[in-house]
Protein backbone atom coordinates (compact mmCIF):
# COMPACT_ATOMS: atom_id res chain seq x y z
CA UNK A 1 28.49 176.66 107.24
CA UNK A 2 27.59 173.04 106.63
CA UNK A 3 28.14 170.78 109.65
CA UNK A 4 27.94 167.01 109.29
CA UNK A 5 27.72 164.39 112.03
CA UNK A 6 29.28 160.97 111.37
CA UNK A 7 26.94 158.26 112.72
CA UNK A 8 29.27 155.33 112.00
CA UNK A 9 30.30 153.40 115.13
CA UNK A 10 27.41 154.76 117.21
CA UNK A 11 25.75 151.35 117.64
CA UNK A 12 22.57 152.33 115.78
CA UNK A 13 21.50 154.56 118.66
CA UNK A 14 21.65 151.78 121.27
CA UNK A 15 24.58 153.10 123.31
CA UNK A 16 25.86 156.28 124.90
CA UNK A 17 27.45 157.26 121.58
CA UNK A 18 24.10 157.10 119.84
CA UNK A 19 22.43 158.94 122.72
CA UNK A 20 24.96 161.74 122.30
CA UNK A 21 23.77 162.33 118.72
CA UNK A 22 20.09 162.14 119.68
CA UNK A 23 20.44 164.65 122.51
CA UNK A 24 22.70 166.91 120.44
CA UNK A 25 20.16 167.11 117.62
CA UNK A 26 17.22 167.50 120.01
CA UNK A 27 18.79 170.59 121.53
CA UNK A 28 19.94 172.37 118.38
CA UNK A 29 18.58 175.93 118.10
CA UNK A 30 15.55 176.07 115.80
CA UNK A 31 17.29 178.43 113.39
CA UNK A 32 19.82 175.68 112.70
CA UNK A 33 17.40 172.79 112.34
CA UNK A 34 15.06 174.79 110.09
CA UNK A 35 17.39 176.93 107.97
CA UNK A 36 16.40 177.67 104.42
CA UNK A 37 17.94 175.33 101.86
CA UNK A 38 19.82 173.30 104.51
CA UNK A 39 21.65 171.35 101.83
CA UNK A 40 23.21 174.50 100.36
CA UNK A 41 26.43 176.00 101.64
CA UNK A 42 27.70 179.40 100.56
CA UNK A 43 31.39 178.92 99.85
CA UNK A 44 33.29 182.19 99.76
CA UNK A 45 36.39 180.42 98.45
CA UNK A 46 34.69 179.69 95.11
CA UNK A 47 33.56 183.27 94.54
CA UNK A 48 35.64 184.44 91.59
CA UNK A 49 34.28 187.98 91.49
CA UNK A 50 36.74 190.82 92.02
CA UNK A 51 34.16 192.62 94.13
CA UNK A 52 35.65 192.13 97.58
CA UNK A 53 32.52 193.42 99.31
CA UNK A 54 30.64 190.49 97.76
CA UNK A 55 33.33 188.11 99.00
CA UNK A 56 33.00 189.46 102.53
CA UNK A 57 29.22 189.20 102.34
CA UNK A 58 29.46 185.58 101.20
CA UNK A 59 31.88 184.79 104.00
CA UNK A 60 29.55 186.37 106.57
CA UNK A 61 26.57 184.41 105.22
CA UNK A 62 28.56 181.20 105.42
CA UNK A 63 29.37 181.81 109.08
CA UNK A 64 25.84 182.76 110.13
CA UNK A 65 23.80 180.38 107.95
CA UNK A 66 24.54 177.10 109.72
CA UNK A 67 23.03 173.79 108.67
CA UNK A 68 23.44 170.29 110.11
CA UNK A 69 23.36 166.97 108.30
CA UNK A 70 24.00 163.34 109.22
CA UNK A 71 25.73 160.60 107.28
CA UNK A 72 26.10 156.86 107.79
CA UNK A 73 24.52 153.63 106.59
CA UNK A 74 21.01 153.47 105.15
CA UNK A 75 19.99 151.45 108.20
CA UNK A 76 20.33 154.55 110.39
CA UNK A 77 18.46 156.99 108.15
CA UNK A 78 15.71 157.43 110.75
CA UNK A 79 17.57 156.37 113.90
CA UNK A 80 18.53 159.86 115.02
CA UNK A 81 16.22 162.20 113.11
CA UNK A 82 12.78 161.28 114.45
CA UNK A 83 10.67 164.44 114.51
CA UNK A 84 13.49 166.58 113.10
CA UNK A 85 13.85 167.91 109.58
CA UNK A 86 17.55 167.01 109.28
CA UNK A 87 19.06 165.77 106.00
CA UNK A 88 20.74 162.36 105.96
CA UNK A 89 23.25 161.03 103.42
CA UNK A 90 23.86 157.30 103.26
CA UNK A 91 26.64 155.33 101.63
CA UNK A 92 26.64 151.63 100.63
CA UNK A 93 28.50 149.71 103.28
CA UNK A 94 28.93 146.20 104.62
CA UNK A 95 27.74 146.05 108.21
CA UNK A 96 31.14 145.36 109.77
CA UNK A 97 33.66 147.43 111.78
CA UNK A 98 36.42 146.45 109.33
CA UNK A 99 34.47 147.78 106.33
CA UNK A 100 33.60 151.01 108.15
CA UNK A 101 37.22 151.56 109.19
CA UNK A 102 38.43 151.01 105.62
CA UNK A 103 35.84 153.47 104.26
CA UNK A 104 37.00 156.13 106.71
CA UNK A 105 40.55 155.57 105.59
CA UNK A 106 40.04 155.53 101.82
CA UNK A 107 36.72 157.04 100.74
CA UNK A 108 35.46 159.53 103.30
CA UNK A 109 37.38 162.51 101.88
CA UNK A 110 35.75 162.17 98.46
CA UNK A 111 32.35 161.77 100.16
CA UNK A 112 32.89 164.93 102.25
CA UNK A 113 34.00 166.97 99.25
CA UNK A 114 31.02 165.79 97.18
CA UNK A 115 28.57 166.79 99.93
CA UNK A 116 30.27 170.11 100.63
CA UNK A 117 30.73 169.64 104.35
CA UNK A 118 32.77 172.36 106.10
CA UNK A 119 32.93 170.71 109.52
CA UNK A 120 32.49 167.06 110.52
CA UNK A 121 31.80 165.89 114.08
CA UNK A 122 32.98 162.36 114.90
CA UNK A 123 30.99 161.18 117.99
CA UNK A 124 32.55 157.68 117.80
CA UNK A 125 36.09 159.00 117.47
CA UNK A 126 37.30 156.53 120.08
CA UNK A 127 36.33 153.71 117.70
CA UNK A 128 36.32 155.04 114.13
CA UNK A 129 38.27 158.04 112.87
CA UNK A 130 40.04 159.00 109.63
CA UNK A 131 43.81 159.41 109.85
CA UNK A 132 43.76 162.56 107.70
CA UNK A 133 41.34 165.46 107.37
CA UNK A 134 41.04 166.90 103.88
CA UNK A 135 38.55 169.49 102.65
CA UNK A 136 37.01 169.96 106.10
CA UNK A 137 37.57 170.74 109.77
CA UNK A 138 37.39 167.58 111.89
CA UNK A 139 36.16 167.60 115.50
CA UNK A 140 36.51 164.40 117.51
CA UNK A 141 34.04 163.77 120.35
CA UNK A 142 35.77 161.54 122.91
CA UNK A 143 33.42 159.99 125.49
CA UNK A 144 35.72 157.24 126.73
CA UNK A 145 39.16 156.68 128.21
CA UNK A 146 41.21 156.29 125.04
CA UNK A 147 44.25 154.71 126.71
CA UNK A 148 42.08 151.77 127.80
CA UNK A 149 40.61 151.37 124.31
CA UNK A 150 44.03 151.51 122.66
CA UNK A 151 45.30 148.74 124.94
CA UNK A 152 42.58 146.45 123.54
CA UNK A 153 43.29 147.25 119.86
CA UNK A 154 45.61 145.61 117.37
CA UNK A 155 48.92 147.34 116.71
CA UNK A 156 47.78 148.72 113.34
CA UNK A 157 44.43 149.99 114.66
CA UNK A 158 46.19 151.58 117.63
CA UNK A 159 48.63 153.36 115.32
CA UNK A 160 45.84 154.64 113.06
CA UNK A 161 43.75 155.86 115.98
CA UNK A 162 46.62 157.84 117.48
CA UNK A 163 47.47 159.25 114.05
CA UNK A 164 43.89 160.43 113.57
CA UNK A 165 43.73 162.06 117.03
CA UNK A 166 47.03 163.83 116.47
CA UNK A 167 46.02 165.08 113.00
CA UNK A 168 42.47 166.19 113.75
CA UNK A 169 41.97 169.92 114.23
CA UNK A 170 39.96 169.80 117.47
CA UNK A 171 38.91 167.34 120.18
CA UNK A 172 35.99 167.72 122.59
CA UNK A 173 36.43 165.88 125.90
CA UNK A 174 33.51 165.65 128.37
CA UNK A 175 35.83 165.77 131.37
CA UNK A 176 39.24 167.06 132.41
CA UNK A 177 40.08 163.46 133.29
CA UNK A 178 39.72 162.39 129.66
CA UNK A 179 41.67 165.45 128.53
CA UNK A 180 44.59 164.46 130.76
CA UNK A 181 44.43 160.90 129.45
CA UNK A 182 44.73 162.24 125.88
CA UNK A 183 47.63 164.50 126.80
CA UNK A 184 49.49 161.51 128.25
CA UNK A 185 49.09 159.83 124.86
CA UNK A 186 50.93 162.70 123.20
CA UNK A 187 47.92 164.71 122.01
CA UNK A 188 48.45 168.48 122.11
CA UNK A 189 46.59 170.10 125.01
CA UNK A 190 45.85 173.15 122.84
CA UNK A 191 43.50 171.19 120.58
CA UNK A 192 41.45 169.66 123.43
CA UNK A 193 38.44 171.52 124.82
CA UNK A 194 36.46 170.27 127.82
CA UNK A 195 32.70 170.50 127.24
CA UNK A 196 30.67 168.50 129.75
CA UNK A 197 27.81 166.36 128.49
CA UNK A 198 24.32 167.22 129.62
CA UNK A 199 21.66 165.07 131.21
CA UNK A 200 18.01 164.79 130.20
CA UNK A 201 16.09 166.71 132.88
CA UNK A 202 12.78 165.80 131.22
CA UNK A 203 13.57 162.19 132.07
CA UNK A 204 15.64 162.48 135.26
CA UNK A 205 13.96 164.54 137.98
CA UNK A 206 12.75 164.02 141.59
CA UNK A 207 9.57 161.91 141.65
CA UNK A 208 8.08 163.17 144.86
CA UNK A 209 4.95 161.00 144.63
CA UNK A 210 6.87 157.71 144.91
CA UNK A 211 5.73 156.43 148.29
CA UNK A 212 4.80 152.88 147.30
CA UNK A 213 6.43 149.92 149.05
CA UNK A 214 7.09 148.29 145.68
CA UNK A 215 8.52 150.05 142.61
CA UNK A 216 7.12 148.69 139.37
CA UNK A 217 9.73 149.15 136.67
CA UNK A 218 8.89 146.83 133.82
CA UNK A 219 9.58 143.96 133.72
CA UNK A 220 10.43 144.03 137.45
CA UNK A 221 8.67 144.81 140.71
CA UNK A 222 11.32 145.77 143.27
CA UNK A 223 10.56 145.98 146.97
CA UNK A 224 11.96 148.95 148.84
CA UNK A 225 14.29 149.88 150.44
CA UNK A 226 17.12 149.14 148.01
CA UNK A 227 20.46 150.43 146.78
CA UNK A 228 21.08 150.53 143.02
CA UNK A 229 24.19 150.23 140.86
CA UNK A 230 23.83 150.55 137.10
CA UNK A 231 26.85 149.29 135.18
CA UNK A 232 27.72 146.45 132.80
CA UNK A 233 29.36 143.36 134.28
CA UNK A 234 32.36 143.83 132.04
CA UNK A 235 35.55 144.11 134.13
CA UNK A 236 37.04 143.95 137.62
CA UNK A 237 37.43 147.74 137.51
CA UNK A 238 33.65 148.11 137.80
CA UNK A 239 34.09 146.75 141.35
CA UNK A 240 30.86 144.74 141.53
CA UNK A 241 32.41 142.08 143.77
CA UNK A 242 33.78 144.64 146.24
CA UNK A 243 30.33 146.25 146.36
CA UNK A 244 28.62 142.92 147.08
CA UNK A 245 31.05 142.26 149.95
CA UNK A 246 30.46 145.78 151.31
CA UNK A 247 26.70 145.17 151.12
CA UNK A 248 27.14 141.95 153.11
CA UNK A 249 29.00 143.88 155.79
CA UNK A 250 26.29 146.56 155.81
CA UNK A 251 23.65 143.88 156.38
CA UNK A 252 25.63 142.27 159.20
CA UNK A 253 26.27 145.59 160.95
CA UNK A 254 22.75 147.03 160.67
CA UNK A 255 20.30 144.15 160.25
CA UNK A 256 18.31 146.44 157.94
CA UNK A 257 16.01 145.03 155.21
CA UNK A 258 17.76 146.78 152.31
CA UNK A 259 18.39 145.05 149.00
CA UNK A 260 21.09 145.54 146.39
CA UNK A 261 19.94 145.94 142.78
CA UNK A 262 22.61 145.63 140.08
CA UNK A 263 21.43 146.61 136.59
CA UNK A 264 23.66 146.05 133.58
CA UNK A 265 24.47 143.78 130.66
CA UNK A 266 26.43 140.61 131.30
CA UNK A 267 29.99 141.04 130.08
CA UNK A 268 33.37 139.34 130.29
CA UNK A 269 33.33 139.42 134.12
CA UNK A 270 29.70 138.37 134.60
CA UNK A 271 30.35 134.75 135.60
CA UNK A 272 32.54 135.73 138.56
CA UNK A 273 30.05 138.36 139.75
CA UNK A 274 27.07 136.00 139.51
CA UNK A 275 28.96 133.37 141.50
CA UNK A 276 29.84 135.78 144.33
CA UNK A 277 26.24 136.99 144.49
CA UNK A 278 24.85 133.42 144.44
CA UNK A 279 27.24 132.25 147.18
CA UNK A 280 26.52 135.25 149.40
CA UNK A 281 24.90 134.81 152.78
CA UNK A 282 22.49 137.53 151.60
CA UNK A 283 21.89 136.15 148.12
CA UNK A 284 18.11 136.56 148.50
CA UNK A 285 18.63 140.32 148.86
CA UNK A 286 20.93 140.71 145.83
CA UNK A 287 19.28 141.16 142.43
CA UNK A 288 21.21 141.11 139.15
CA UNK A 289 18.54 142.21 136.72
CA UNK A 290 20.59 142.41 133.51
CA UNK A 291 20.09 144.97 130.75
CA UNK A 292 17.89 147.86 131.76
CA UNK A 293 16.55 150.47 129.30
CA UNK A 294 18.06 153.89 129.88
CA UNK A 295 14.65 155.56 130.09
CA UNK A 296 13.62 153.19 132.91
CA UNK A 297 16.55 154.15 135.13
CA UNK A 298 14.81 157.35 136.22
CA UNK A 299 12.13 155.48 138.16
CA UNK A 300 14.63 152.88 139.36
CA UNK A 301 16.83 155.68 140.75
CA UNK A 302 13.94 157.66 142.21
CA UNK A 303 12.76 154.69 144.27
CA UNK A 304 16.22 153.83 145.60
CA UNK A 305 17.74 154.60 148.98
CA UNK A 306 20.91 155.66 147.19
CA UNK A 307 22.90 155.16 144.01
CA UNK A 308 26.14 153.24 144.54
CA UNK A 309 28.85 153.64 141.92
CA UNK A 310 32.17 151.99 142.83
CA UNK A 311 33.65 151.86 139.28
CA UNK A 312 37.20 153.26 139.19
CA UNK A 313 37.68 153.90 135.47
CA UNK A 314 34.83 156.18 134.42
CA UNK A 315 35.68 158.94 131.98
CA UNK A 316 32.43 160.90 132.18
CA UNK A 317 30.24 159.94 135.17
CA UNK A 318 26.81 160.73 133.72
CA UNK A 319 25.01 157.95 135.69
CA UNK A 320 25.78 159.62 139.01
CA UNK A 321 24.50 162.96 137.71
CA UNK A 322 21.30 161.32 136.48
CA UNK A 323 20.82 159.74 139.92
CA UNK A 324 21.41 163.11 141.61
CA UNK A 325 18.83 164.73 139.34
CA UNK A 326 16.32 162.12 140.56
CA UNK A 327 16.77 163.33 144.13
CA UNK A 328 18.70 160.44 145.68
CA UNK A 329 22.14 160.45 147.33
CA UNK A 330 25.14 159.18 145.38
CA UNK A 331 27.91 157.17 147.05
CA UNK A 332 30.74 156.60 144.61
CA UNK A 333 34.39 155.91 143.95
CA UNK A 334 36.91 158.72 144.33
CA UNK A 335 38.71 157.59 141.15
CA UNK A 336 38.44 158.47 137.45
CA UNK A 337 36.17 161.34 136.49
CA UNK A 338 33.63 160.70 139.26
CA UNK A 339 34.96 163.38 141.64
CA UNK A 340 34.82 165.84 138.75
CA UNK A 341 31.26 164.81 137.88
CA UNK A 342 30.00 164.69 141.46
CA UNK A 343 31.75 167.80 142.76
CA UNK A 344 31.08 168.31 146.47
CA UNK A 345 27.63 166.73 146.23
CA UNK A 346 28.53 163.01 146.35
CA UNK A 347 29.83 160.85 149.20
CA UNK A 348 33.15 159.34 148.09
CA UNK A 349 34.93 156.15 149.10
CA UNK A 350 37.91 154.01 148.21
CA UNK A 351 36.41 151.16 146.17
CA UNK A 352 39.00 148.69 147.47
CA UNK A 353 38.08 149.47 151.09
CA UNK A 354 35.07 147.30 151.93
CA UNK A 355 34.66 148.83 155.38
CA UNK A 356 34.64 152.35 153.95
CA UNK A 357 31.92 151.51 151.41
CA UNK A 358 29.81 149.78 154.08
CA UNK A 359 30.17 152.71 156.48
CA UNK A 360 29.12 155.17 153.77
CA UNK A 361 26.00 153.07 153.11
CA UNK A 362 25.15 152.94 156.81
CA UNK A 363 25.67 156.67 157.32
CA UNK A 364 23.44 157.70 154.41
CA UNK A 365 20.64 155.51 155.78
CA UNK A 366 20.92 156.36 159.48
CA UNK A 367 22.07 160.02 159.44
CA UNK A 368 18.96 161.89 158.28
CA UNK A 369 20.62 165.32 158.35
CA UNK A 370 23.50 164.07 156.19
CA UNK A 371 21.02 162.47 153.80
CA UNK A 372 18.91 165.62 153.43
CA UNK A 373 21.97 167.83 152.86
CA UNK A 374 23.43 165.49 150.24
CA UNK A 375 20.12 165.30 148.36
CA UNK A 376 19.65 169.09 148.40
CA UNK A 377 23.18 169.76 147.13
CA UNK A 378 22.91 167.00 144.53
CA UNK A 379 19.77 168.38 142.87
CA UNK A 380 21.30 171.85 142.60
CA UNK A 381 24.57 170.44 141.23
CA UNK A 382 22.88 168.21 138.63
CA UNK A 383 20.88 171.16 137.31
CA UNK A 384 24.15 172.68 136.08
CA UNK A 385 24.51 169.89 133.51
CA UNK A 386 22.13 170.25 130.59
CA UNK A 387 22.23 169.51 126.87
CA UNK A 388 21.29 173.04 125.86
CA UNK A 389 24.58 174.27 127.34
CA UNK A 390 26.53 171.36 125.81
CA UNK A 391 25.20 172.15 122.32
CA UNK A 392 25.67 175.90 122.74
CA UNK A 393 29.30 175.50 123.82
CA UNK A 394 30.01 173.02 121.00
CA UNK A 395 28.54 175.34 118.35
CA UNK A 396 30.56 178.22 119.77
CA UNK A 397 33.70 176.10 119.44
CA UNK A 398 32.81 175.24 115.83
CA UNK A 399 32.27 178.91 114.93
CA UNK A 400 35.59 179.86 116.49
């Protein structure tokens, strides 16, 4: 069986979509990444012999001899395959979303047939997806809330996206929340399987030797104690302003020296957030540090008093699991997929209730028994999410 992964729309490995491919490939079983003749697929359908035992043998070989390839632009030939012997097929393409969308609509089927792919995974299915699936089984990986994305698309792009999702043979959703969102859009529940994403436990783990007063996370040196929120400044639904106001109330009520660290790219809502932070009575204790490399979050989390995550429209919730794995408490919104991701191990609040957020912050600092119990439960819960299981479950789905 020849499995291909479509790398178009995955931001050249610089976003969660690209990270999905990297982690998926890194956790493939060795017998798949090092199969003999990985570019060759045994196709039982082309066996013209009348010897049915040979046909059955070919079919069995096809099912057990699994290989994985990637395809995309030449620019990404080595983006996802570092250290892995995984074939990559490139196609000439203008570097523009419009050109990539057109290629998926008009030329991908010929490309798939030429390369002999049996199954194609589409990790950026929420952005780029064919409307029809010829000569192969298509599996869409949806890591976002599609209804929100559709609302921001043109009428024609919205129509094509829905058509593709309704025609594809299978969809993998990383949360039941995303599955329900797809069902509300008219997608058949039978074709949607929930397979949770993993987290990188080699990167996110409790750093027990962090006892310094200042955490050096290049290019910053951050004085403890501090709360941390990692999210782009992109919309009101991320609830940065409500969090800043709750932090102000926390400071007034406790007089404690804690700081608030907000890490994330500036987006459409950044100007409003920066203004509220600048005008705050506690502006000197509020740090908006901009883009922060994913690999640096582990140390940033580990040195924090707690991870705060008030966003109300998260479809997956991986940041709170990564924070839990680092051994710090998570205080987060009770909306979106966060309750599913956090289980019984997070402290939840209504993100529109400033008093509730502030009280949760105060309790996790002052109630040592609560803090210890939350941390203990969080580490155990986060251990349940790993990429080995994600890959295993996805391969099982493909075989079925």
